């Protein structure tokens, strides 16, 4: 099942998609540049769907100021807080334990 998720990062709301699966190890897709979480021509969305069908949960997100996320786009090099928040949101949403 595919689920839309919003999570907080430095006062903004980031948009994410979780393709749910029963696996205990998942994939967090981090887009580069200004790419949105679905990917070019929905490539990342289709990859996530395929992996989830084989048991791997997949989490994709839009960093601040990109796609459906709020805030200013500070570029990929300023996205460390976004990535940290995405990892926490993924673990929470997929009910994974910390590494």
N, C-alpha and C. Protein backbone atom coordinates (compact mmCIF):
# COMPACT_ATOMS: atom_id res chain seq x y z
N UNK A 1 0.85 -1.17 0.00
CA UNK A 1 0.00 0.00 0.00
C UNK A 1 0.90 1.24 0.00
N UNK A 2 0.53 2.24 -0.73
CA UNK A 2 1.25 3.51 -0.80
C UNK A 2 0.55 4.51 0.11
N UNK A 3 1.34 5.19 0.93
CA UNK A 3 0.79 6.14 1.90
C UNK A 3 1.52 7.47 1.80
N UNK A 4 0.75 8.57 1.77
CA UNK A 4 1.32 9.92 1.78
C UNK A 4 1.54 10.35 3.22
N UNK A 5 2.68 10.98 3.48
CA UNK A 5 3.06 11.36 4.83
C UNK A 5 3.59 12.78 4.81
N UNK A 6 3.31 13.53 5.87
CA UNK A 6 3.94 14.83 6.09
C UNK A 6 4.74 14.76 7.38
N UNK A 7 5.92 15.38 7.39
CA UNK A 7 6.72 15.39 8.61
C UNK A 7 7.43 16.73 8.74
N UNK A 8 7.79 17.06 9.97
CA UNK A 8 8.36 18.37 10.28
C UNK A 8 9.88 18.39 10.09
N UNK A 9 10.36 19.56 9.66
CA UNK A 9 11.80 19.79 9.56
C UNK A 9 12.05 21.29 9.68
N UNK A 10 12.65 21.69 10.78
CA UNK A 10 13.02 23.08 11.02
C UNK A 10 11.87 24.06 10.73
N UNK A 11 10.69 23.73 11.24
CA UNK A 11 9.54 24.61 11.12
C UNK A 11 8.77 24.50 9.81
N UNK A 12 9.18 23.62 8.94
CA UNK A 12 8.49 23.40 7.66
C UNK A 12 7.89 22.00 7.64
N UNK A 13 7.03 21.76 6.65
CA UNK A 13 6.42 20.44 6.48
C UNK A 13 6.93 19.83 5.18
N UNK A 14 7.54 18.67 5.31
CA UNK A 14 8.05 17.96 4.14
C UNK A 14 7.06 16.88 3.75
N UNK A 15 6.88 16.72 2.44
CA UNK A 15 5.97 15.72 1.91
C UNK A 15 6.74 14.45 1.57
N UNK A 16 6.15 13.32 1.87
CA UNK A 16 6.80 12.04 1.61
C UNK A 16 5.78 11.00 1.19
N UNK A 17 6.30 9.93 0.63
CA UNK A 17 5.49 8.79 0.24
C UNK A 17 6.16 7.53 0.77
N UNK A 18 5.38 6.70 1.43
CA UNK A 18 5.86 5.41 1.91
C UNK A 18 5.15 4.31 1.14
N UNK A 19 5.94 3.47 0.47
CA UNK A 19 5.40 2.26 -0.13
C UNK A 19 5.63 1.17 0.91
N UNK A 20 4.55 0.76 1.56
CA UNK A 20 4.65 -0.16 2.69
C UNK A 20 4.93 -1.58 2.25
N UNK A 21 5.69 -2.28 3.10
CA UNK A 21 6.01 -3.69 2.88
C UNK A 21 6.43 -4.28 4.22
N UNK A 22 6.40 -5.59 4.36
CA UNK A 22 6.69 -6.20 5.66
C UNK A 22 8.17 -6.28 6.03
N UNK A 23 9.08 -5.96 5.14
CA UNK A 23 10.50 -6.10 5.42
C UNK A 23 10.97 -5.22 6.57
N UNK A 24 12.04 -5.66 7.22
CA UNK A 24 12.61 -4.90 8.34
C UNK A 24 13.78 -4.02 7.89
N UNK A 25 14.19 -4.14 6.64
CA UNK A 25 15.19 -3.27 6.03
C UNK A 25 14.52 -2.57 4.88
N UNK A 26 14.68 -1.24 4.82
CA UNK A 26 14.00 -0.48 3.78
C UNK A 26 14.96 0.35 2.97
N UNK A 27 14.41 1.05 2.00
CA UNK A 27 15.17 1.93 1.13
C UNK A 27 14.64 3.35 1.27
N UNK A 28 15.53 4.28 1.58
CA UNK A 28 15.21 5.70 1.61
C UNK A 28 15.78 6.31 0.34
N UNK A 29 14.92 6.81 -0.52
CA UNK A 29 15.36 7.42 -1.78
C UNK A 29 15.55 8.91 -1.56
N UNK A 30 16.76 9.39 -1.81
CA UNK A 30 17.11 10.80 -1.67
C UNK A 30 17.35 11.34 -3.08
N UNK A 31 16.51 12.26 -3.52
CA UNK A 31 16.65 12.83 -4.85
C UNK A 31 17.70 13.93 -4.85
N UNK A 32 18.40 14.05 -5.92
CA UNK A 32 19.40 15.10 -6.06
C UNK A 32 18.82 16.31 -6.77
N UNK A 33 19.51 17.42 -6.68
CA UNK A 33 19.06 18.63 -7.37
C UNK A 33 17.67 19.03 -6.95
N UNK A 34 16.84 19.36 -7.90
CA UNK A 34 15.46 19.78 -7.62
C UNK A 34 14.45 18.72 -8.03
N UNK A 35 14.88 17.49 -8.11
CA UNK A 35 14.00 16.38 -8.49
C UNK A 35 12.96 16.14 -7.40
N UNK A 36 11.71 15.94 -7.80
CA UNK A 36 10.65 15.63 -6.85
C UNK A 36 10.66 14.14 -6.54
N UNK A 37 9.96 13.75 -5.49
CA UNK A 37 10.05 12.38 -4.99
C UNK A 37 9.53 11.32 -5.95
N UNK A 38 8.69 11.67 -6.89
CA UNK A 38 8.21 10.66 -7.84
C UNK A 38 9.26 10.34 -8.89
N UNK A 39 10.24 11.24 -9.07
CA UNK A 39 11.30 11.02 -10.03
C UNK A 39 10.89 11.40 -11.44
N UNK A 40 11.87 11.44 -12.31
CA UNK A 40 11.60 11.76 -13.71
C UNK A 40 10.71 10.68 -14.30
N UNK A 41 9.64 11.11 -14.94
CA UNK A 41 8.69 10.19 -15.58
C UNK A 41 8.19 9.12 -14.62
N UNK A 42 8.07 9.50 -13.32
CA UNK A 42 7.59 8.61 -12.26
C UNK A 42 8.52 7.43 -11.99
N UNK A 43 9.77 7.55 -12.40
CA UNK A 43 10.73 6.45 -12.25
C UNK A 43 10.92 5.99 -10.82
N UNK A 44 11.05 6.91 -9.89
CA UNK A 44 11.26 6.52 -8.49
C UNK A 44 9.99 5.92 -7.90
N UNK A 45 8.85 6.42 -8.31
CA UNK A 45 7.58 5.87 -7.84
C UNK A 45 7.41 4.42 -8.32
N UNK A 46 7.77 4.17 -9.56
CA UNK A 46 7.64 2.81 -10.10
C UNK A 46 8.65 1.87 -9.44
N UNK A 47 9.87 2.36 -9.19
CA UNK A 47 10.87 1.55 -8.49
C UNK A 47 10.39 1.21 -7.08
N UNK A 48 9.85 2.20 -6.39
CA UNK A 48 9.34 1.98 -5.03
C UNK A 48 8.23 0.92 -5.02
N UNK A 49 7.34 1.01 -5.97
CA UNK A 49 6.24 0.05 -6.06
C UNK A 49 6.76 -1.37 -6.28
N UNK A 50 7.74 -1.50 -7.16
CA UNK A 50 8.30 -2.83 -7.44
C UNK A 50 9.01 -3.42 -6.22
N UNK A 51 9.80 -2.58 -5.54
CA UNK A 51 10.52 -3.06 -4.37
C UNK A 51 9.56 -3.44 -3.24
N UNK A 52 8.53 -2.63 -3.04
CA UNK A 52 7.54 -2.94 -2.00
C UNK A 52 6.84 -4.26 -2.29
N UNK A 53 6.61 -4.54 -3.56
CA UNK A 53 5.96 -5.80 -3.94
C UNK A 53 6.83 -7.00 -3.58
N UNK A 54 8.14 -6.80 -3.44
CA UNK A 54 9.04 -7.91 -3.08
C UNK A 54 9.36 -7.90 -1.58
N UNK A 55 8.73 -6.99 -0.81
CA UNK A 55 8.88 -6.99 0.64
C UNK A 55 9.74 -5.90 1.23
N UNK A 56 10.23 -4.97 0.41
CA UNK A 56 11.08 -3.89 0.90
C UNK A 56 10.30 -2.58 0.99
N UNK A 57 10.14 -2.02 2.20
CA UNK A 57 9.47 -0.72 2.30
C UNK A 57 10.36 0.38 1.70
N UNK A 58 9.74 1.34 1.05
CA UNK A 58 10.49 2.42 0.38
C UNK A 58 9.88 3.75 0.77
N UNK A 59 10.75 4.69 1.14
CA UNK A 59 10.34 6.03 1.57
C UNK A 59 11.00 7.04 0.65
N UNK A 60 10.19 7.93 0.08
CA UNK A 60 10.67 9.01 -0.80
C UNK A 60 10.14 10.32 -0.25
N UNK A 61 10.92 11.39 -0.35
CA UNK A 61 10.46 12.67 0.18
C UNK A 61 10.93 13.83 -0.69
N UNK A 62 10.21 14.94 -0.57
CA UNK A 62 10.62 16.21 -1.19
C UNK A 62 11.29 17.04 -0.12
N UNK A 63 12.52 17.50 -0.36
CA UNK A 63 13.19 18.34 0.63
C UNK A 63 12.54 19.72 0.63
N UNK A 64 12.92 20.53 1.60
CA UNK A 64 12.32 21.86 1.74
C UNK A 64 12.40 22.66 0.44
N UNK A 65 11.25 23.23 0.08
CA UNK A 65 11.18 24.09 -1.09
C UNK A 65 11.10 23.36 -2.42
N UNK A 66 10.97 22.05 -2.40
CA UNK A 66 10.89 21.26 -3.62
C UNK A 66 9.59 20.47 -3.61
N UNK A 67 8.95 20.37 -4.75
CA UNK A 67 7.71 19.58 -4.86
C UNK A 67 6.63 20.06 -3.92
N UNK A 68 6.11 19.15 -3.11
CA UNK A 68 5.00 19.46 -2.21
C UNK A 68 5.44 19.91 -0.82
N UNK A 69 6.74 20.07 -0.59
CA UNK A 69 7.24 20.48 0.72
C UNK A 69 7.29 22.00 0.83
N UNK A 70 7.03 22.49 2.03
CA UNK A 70 7.07 23.94 2.26
C UNK A 70 8.51 24.39 2.53
N UNK A 71 8.69 25.70 2.54
CA UNK A 71 10.00 26.27 2.87
C UNK A 71 10.74 26.75 1.65
N UNK A 72 11.96 27.22 1.90
CA UNK A 72 12.82 27.74 0.84
C UNK A 72 13.77 26.64 0.36
N UNK A 73 13.97 26.61 -0.93
CA UNK A 73 14.89 25.65 -1.53
C UNK A 73 16.31 26.18 -1.36
N UNK A 74 17.04 25.63 -0.40
CA UNK A 74 18.40 26.06 -0.15
C UNK A 74 19.43 25.26 -0.92
N UNK A 75 18.99 24.38 -1.80
CA UNK A 75 19.91 23.55 -2.56
C UNK A 75 20.22 22.25 -1.83
N UNK A 76 20.76 21.33 -2.59
CA UNK A 76 21.03 20.00 -2.08
C UNK A 76 22.07 20.02 -0.95
N UNK A 77 23.02 20.93 -1.02
CA UNK A 77 24.08 20.96 -0.01
C UNK A 77 23.60 21.44 1.36
N UNK A 78 22.39 22.00 1.44
CA UNK A 78 21.84 22.45 2.73
C UNK A 78 20.77 21.49 3.26
N UNK A 79 20.67 20.34 2.67
CA UNK A 79 19.56 19.43 2.95
C UNK A 79 19.85 18.41 4.04
N UNK A 80 20.93 18.53 4.78
CA UNK A 80 21.23 17.55 5.82
C UNK A 80 20.11 17.43 6.85
N UNK A 81 19.56 18.55 7.36
CA UNK A 81 18.45 18.41 8.33
C UNK A 81 17.24 17.70 7.72
N UNK A 82 16.99 17.91 6.44
CA UNK A 82 15.88 17.24 5.77
C UNK A 82 16.09 15.73 5.76
N UNK A 83 17.31 15.31 5.47
CA UNK A 83 17.63 13.90 5.42
C UNK A 83 17.51 13.25 6.81
N UNK A 84 18.00 13.94 7.82
CA UNK A 84 17.90 13.41 9.19
C UNK A 84 16.44 13.27 9.60
N UNK A 85 15.62 14.28 9.28
CA UNK A 85 14.19 14.21 9.61
C UNK A 85 13.50 13.11 8.81
N UNK A 86 13.92 12.90 7.55
CA UNK A 86 13.32 11.87 6.72
C UNK A 86 13.62 10.47 7.27
N UNK A 87 14.84 10.25 7.73
CA UNK A 87 15.19 8.95 8.32
C UNK A 87 14.30 8.67 9.53
N UNK A 88 14.14 9.67 10.40
CA UNK A 88 13.30 9.49 11.59
C UNK A 88 11.84 9.23 11.20
N UNK A 89 11.34 9.98 10.22
CA UNK A 89 9.96 9.80 9.78
C UNK A 89 9.76 8.42 9.15
N UNK A 90 10.73 7.97 8.37
CA UNK A 90 10.66 6.64 7.75
C UNK A 90 10.62 5.56 8.82
N UNK A 91 11.52 5.63 9.78
CA UNK A 91 11.55 4.62 10.84
C UNK A 91 10.23 4.60 11.62
N UNK A 92 9.72 5.79 11.90
CA UNK A 92 8.45 5.87 12.63
C UNK A 92 7.30 5.30 11.81
N UNK A 93 7.21 5.73 10.55
CA UNK A 93 6.08 5.32 9.71
C UNK A 93 6.12 3.83 9.38
N UNK A 94 7.32 3.29 9.20
CA UNK A 94 7.44 1.88 8.85
C UNK A 94 7.63 1.01 10.09
N UNK A 95 7.68 1.67 11.26
CA UNK A 95 7.86 0.99 12.54
C UNK A 95 9.15 0.17 12.57
N UNK A 96 10.21 0.79 12.05
CA UNK A 96 11.54 0.17 12.06
C UNK A 96 12.29 0.62 13.30
N UNK A 97 13.15 -0.22 13.79
CA UNK A 97 13.96 0.17 14.94
C UNK A 97 15.22 0.88 14.44
N UNK A 98 15.79 1.79 15.24
CA UNK A 98 17.01 2.48 14.82
C UNK A 98 18.15 1.49 14.61
N UNK A 99 19.05 1.84 13.72
CA UNK A 99 20.21 0.95 13.42
C UNK A 99 21.16 0.92 14.59
